[in-house]
Amino acid sequence: MSHMLSLFDEFVMKAITMTENFLHSDFSAEINLEAFTSNRERLLMVIDQISKQIDWVSVPDLTKSEMNRRIEYIKKLDEKVVVKLQEYQQEVKQEIERTVRQKDNIKGYNLNDVK
């Protein structure tokens, strides 16, 4: 296996690991989404640059199919990330709506009438 192909494989595995770890993280705890997305974007750009330097014609079919399988797995993970982020967005939206309603309810109390 050429050096570039092994680098490609290594970085693809890093992308898989990073994404799987993100999917298993708890969004209720403080999580830095910006750091995850920027790091993952850089990682995918590196993968793209490495893939451009590989002579894919000389790569055995079995290796190519394995690489394609991993890339497809990353795509499936991406879909799961999008779903998880949409669910988190919905949770945050509901929490904001609850907070606004509570604030409006508190405004309605006239504390001067309390003895």
C-alpha atoms as a PDB file:
ATOM      1  CA  MET A   1       0.000   0.000   0.000  1.00  0.00           C
ATOM      2  CA  SER A   2       1.411   3.374  -0.955  1.00  0.00           C
ATOM      3  CA  HIS A   3       2.196   6.011   1.632  1.00  0.00           C
ATOM      4  CA  MET A   4      -0.574   8.313   0.415  1.00  0.00           C
ATOM      5  CA  LEU A   5      -3.118   5.503   0.481  1.00  0.00           C
ATOM      6  CA  SER A   6      -2.211   4.652   4.070  1.00  0.00           C
ATOM      7  CA  LEU A   7      -2.467   8.347   4.975  1.00  0.00           C
ATOM      8  CA  PHE A   8      -5.864   8.485   3.274  1.00  0.00           C
ATOM      9  CA  ASP A   9      -6.998   5.450   5.260  1.00  0.00           C
ATOM     10  CA  GLU A  10      -5.690   6.921   8.517  1.00  0.00           C
ATOM     11  CA  PHE A  11      -7.480  10.242   8.036  1.00  0.00           C
ATOM     12  CA  VAL A  12     -10.727   8.572   6.983  1.00  0.00           C
ATOM     13  CA  MET A  13     -10.611   6.524  10.170  1.00  0.00           C
ATOM     14  CA  LYS A  14      -9.983   9.715  12.169  1.00  0.00           C
ATOM     15  CA  ALA A  15     -13.055  11.283  10.564  1.00  0.00           C
ATOM     16  CA  ILE A  16     -15.125   8.227  11.458  1.00  0.00           C
ATOM     17  CA  THR A  17     -13.864   8.211  15.046  1.00  0.00           C
ATOM     18  CA  MET A  18     -14.396  11.951  15.476  1.00  0.00           C
ATOM     19  CA  THR A  19     -17.942  11.772  14.147  1.00  0.00           C
ATOM     20  CA  GLU A  20     -18.861   8.708  16.206  1.00  0.00           C
ATOM     21  CA  ASN A  21     -17.537  10.399  19.360  1.00  0.00           C
ATOM     22  CA  PHE A  22     -19.576  13.489  18.557  1.00  0.00           C
ATOM     23  CA  LEU A  23     -22.723  11.408  18.084  1.00  0.00           C
ATOM     24  CA  HIS A  24     -22.217   9.794  21.497  1.00  0.00           C
ATOM     25  CA  SER A  25     -21.633  13.125  23.237  1.00  0.00           C
ATOM     26  CA  ASP A  26     -24.262  14.676  25.469  1.00  0.00           C
ATOM     27  CA  PHE A  27     -25.544  17.970  24.132  1.00  0.00           C
ATOM     28  CA  SER A  28     -26.984  18.934  27.514  1.00  0.00           C
ATOM     29  CA  ALA A  29     -23.416  19.280  28.726  1.00  0.00           C
ATOM     30  CA  GLU A  30     -21.386  22.100  27.301  1.00  0.00           C
ATOM     31  CA  ILE A  31     -20.175  21.076  23.869  1.00  0.00           C
ATOM     32  CA  ASN A  32     -18.278  23.212  21.412  1.00  0.00           C
ATOM     33  CA  LEU A  33     -20.087  22.687  18.116  1.00  0.00           C
ATOM     34  CA  GLU A  34     -17.959  25.264  16.353  1.00  0.00           C
ATOM     35  CA  ALA A  35     -14.737  23.453  17.267  1.00  0.00           C
ATOM     36  CA  PHE A  36     -16.155  20.129  16.104  1.00  0.00           C
ATOM     37  CA  THR A  37     -17.365  21.476  12.765  1.00  0.00           C
ATOM     38  CA  SER A  38     -14.200  23.450  12.002  1.00  0.00           C
ATOM     39  CA  ASN A  39     -11.904  20.545  12.962  1.00  0.00           C
ATOM     40  CA  ARG A  40     -13.982  18.111  10.936  1.00  0.00           C
ATOM     41  CA  GLU A  41     -14.024  20.471   7.961  1.00  0.00           C
ATOM     42  CA  ARG A  42     -10.219  20.727   8.062  1.00  0.00           C
ATOM     43  CA  LEU A  43      -9.948  16.945   8.339  1.00  0.00           C
ATOM     44  CA  LEU A  44     -12.203  16.428   5.313  1.00  0.00           C
ATOM     45  CA  MET A  45     -10.189  18.981   3.322  1.00  0.00           C
ATOM     46  CA  VAL A  46      -7.001  17.047   4.144  1.00  0.00           C
ATOM     47  CA  ILE A  47      -8.688  13.823   3.035  1.00  0.00           C
ATOM     48  CA  ASP A  48      -9.688  15.508  -0.220  1.00  0.00           C
ATOM     49  CA  GLN A  49      -6.141  16.751  -0.855  1.00  0.00           C
ATOM     50  CA  ILE A  50      -4.652  13.331  -0.134  1.00  0.00           C
ATOM     51  CA  SER A  51      -7.174  11.595  -2.405  1.00  0.00           C
ATOM     52  CA  LYS A  52      -6.139  13.867  -5.276  1.00  0.00           C
ATOM     53  CA  GLN A  53      -2.550  12.641  -4.947  1.00  0.00           C
ATOM     54  CA  ILE A  54      -3.420   8.948  -5.080  1.00  0.00           C
ATOM     55  CA  ASP A  55      -3.216   7.105  -8.380  1.00  0.00           C
ATOM     56  CA  TRP A  56      -6.555   5.327  -8.000  1.00  0.00           C
ATOM     57  CA  VAL A  57      -6.031   3.296 -11.178  1.00  0.00           C
ATOM     58  CA  SER A  58      -3.177   1.395  -9.552  1.00  0.00           C
ATOM     59  CA  VAL A  59      -5.104   0.746  -6.325  1.00  0.00           C
ATOM     60  CA  PRO A  60      -6.472  -2.814  -6.076  1.00  0.00           C
ATOM     61  CA  ASP A  61     -10.238  -3.129  -6.436  1.00  0.00           C
ATOM     62  CA  LEU A  62     -10.619  -4.689  -3.009  1.00  0.00           C
ATOM     63  CA  THR A  63      -8.872  -1.710  -1.385  1.00  0.00           C
ATOM     64  CA  LYS A  64     -10.963   0.760  -3.407  1.00  0.00           C
ATOM     65  CA  SER A  65     -14.182  -0.954  -2.391  1.00  0.00           C
ATOM     66  CA  GLU A  66     -13.111  -0.885   1.269  1.00  0.00           C
ATOM     67  CA  MET A  67     -12.335   2.837   1.018  1.00  0.00           C
ATOM     68  CA  ASN A  68     -15.681   3.458  -0.676  1.00  0.00           C
ATOM     69  CA  ARG A  69     -17.427   1.524   2.087  1.00  0.00           C
ATOM     70  CA  ARG A  70     -15.791   3.748   4.713  1.00  0.00           C
ATOM     71  CA  ILE A  71     -16.710   6.905   2.812  1.00  0.00           C
ATOM     72  CA  GLU A  72     -20.324   5.708   2.605  1.00  0.00           C
ATOM     73  CA  TYR A  73     -20.235   5.063   6.338  1.00  0.00           C
ATOM     74  CA  ILE A  74     -19.083   8.655   6.900  1.00  0.00           C
ATOM     75  CA  LYS A  75     -22.039   9.837   4.808  1.00  0.00           C
ATOM     76  CA  LYS A  76     -24.420   7.811   6.996  1.00  0.00           C
ATOM     77  CA  LEU A  77     -22.802   9.281  10.088  1.00  0.00           C
ATOM     78  CA  ASP A  78     -23.281  12.740   8.597  1.00  0.00           C
ATOM     79  CA  GLU A  79     -26.996  12.068   8.245  1.00  0.00           C
ATOM     80  CA  LYS A  80     -27.134  11.020  11.902  1.00  0.00           C
ATOM     81  CA  VAL A  81     -25.263  14.191  12.915  1.00  0.00           C
ATOM     82  CA  VAL A  82     -27.757  16.338  11.017  1.00  0.00           C
ATOM     83  CA  VAL A  83     -30.687  14.566  12.697  1.00  0.00           C
ATOM     84  CA  LYS A  84     -29.093  14.933  16.135  1.00  0.00           C
ATOM     85  CA  LEU A  85     -28.401  18.629  15.553  1.00  0.00           C
ATOM     86  CA  GLN A  86     -31.979  19.193  14.381  1.00  0.00           C
ATOM     87  CA  GLU A  87     -33.284  17.468  17.518  1.00  0.00           C
ATOM     88  CA  TYR A  88     -30.994  19.597  19.665  1.00  0.00           C
ATOM     89  CA  GLN A  89     -32.151  22.727  17.847  1.00  0.00           C
ATOM     90  CA  GLN A  90     -35.761  21.778  18.579  1.00  0.00           C
ATOM     91  CA  GLU A  91     -34.960  21.218  22.263  1.00  0.00           C
ATOM     92  CA  VAL A  92     -33.256  24.604  22.526  1.00  0.00           C
ATOM     93  CA  LYS A  93     -36.165  26.288  20.753  1.00  0.00           C
ATOM     94  CA  GLN A  94     -38.670  24.729  23.182  1.00  0.00           C
ATOM     95  CA  GLU A  95     -36.518  25.752  26.151  1.00  0.00           C
ATOM     96  CA  ILE A  96     -36.406  29.343  24.901  1.00  0.00           C
ATOM     97  CA  GLU A  97     -40.172  29.357  24.399  1.00  0.00           C
ATOM     98  CA  ARG A  98     -40.676  28.023  27.952  1.00  0.00           C
ATOM     99  CA  THR A  99     -38.378  30.681  29.369  1.00  0.00           C
ATOM    100  CA  VAL A 100     -40.199  33.454  27.531  1.00  0.00           C
ATOM    101  CA  ARG A 101     -43.584  32.144  28.764  1.00  0.00           C
ATOM    102  CA  GLN A 102     -42.295  31.984  32.332  1.00  0.00           C
ATOM    103  CA  LYS A 103     -40.976  35.523  32.059  1.00  0.00           C
ATOM    104  CA  ASP A 104     -44.362  36.714  30.774  1.00  0.00           C
ATOM    105  CA  ASN A 105     -46.129  34.905  33.640  1.00  0.00           C
ATOM    106  CA  ILE A 106     -43.873  36.547  36.208  1.00  0.00           C
ATOM    107  CA  LYS A 107     -44.569  39.971  34.700  1.00  0.00           C
ATOM    108  CA  GLY A 108     -48.282  39.403  35.390  1.00  0.00           C
ATOM    109  CA  TYR A 109     -47.788  39.170  39.160  1.00  0.00           C
ATOM    110  CA  ASN A 110     -48.458  42.347  41.098  1.00  0.00           C
ATOM    111  CA  LEU A 111     -46.257  42.035  44.146  1.00  0.00           C
ATOM    112  CA  ASN A 112     -47.617  45.279  45.673  1.00  0.00           C
ATOM    113  CA  ASP A 113     -50.879  43.483  46.539  1.00  0.00           C
ATOM    114  CA  VAL A 114     -49.052  40.811  48.589  1.00  0.00           C
ATOM    115  CA  LYS A 115     -49.233  41.416  52.385  1.00  0.00           C
END
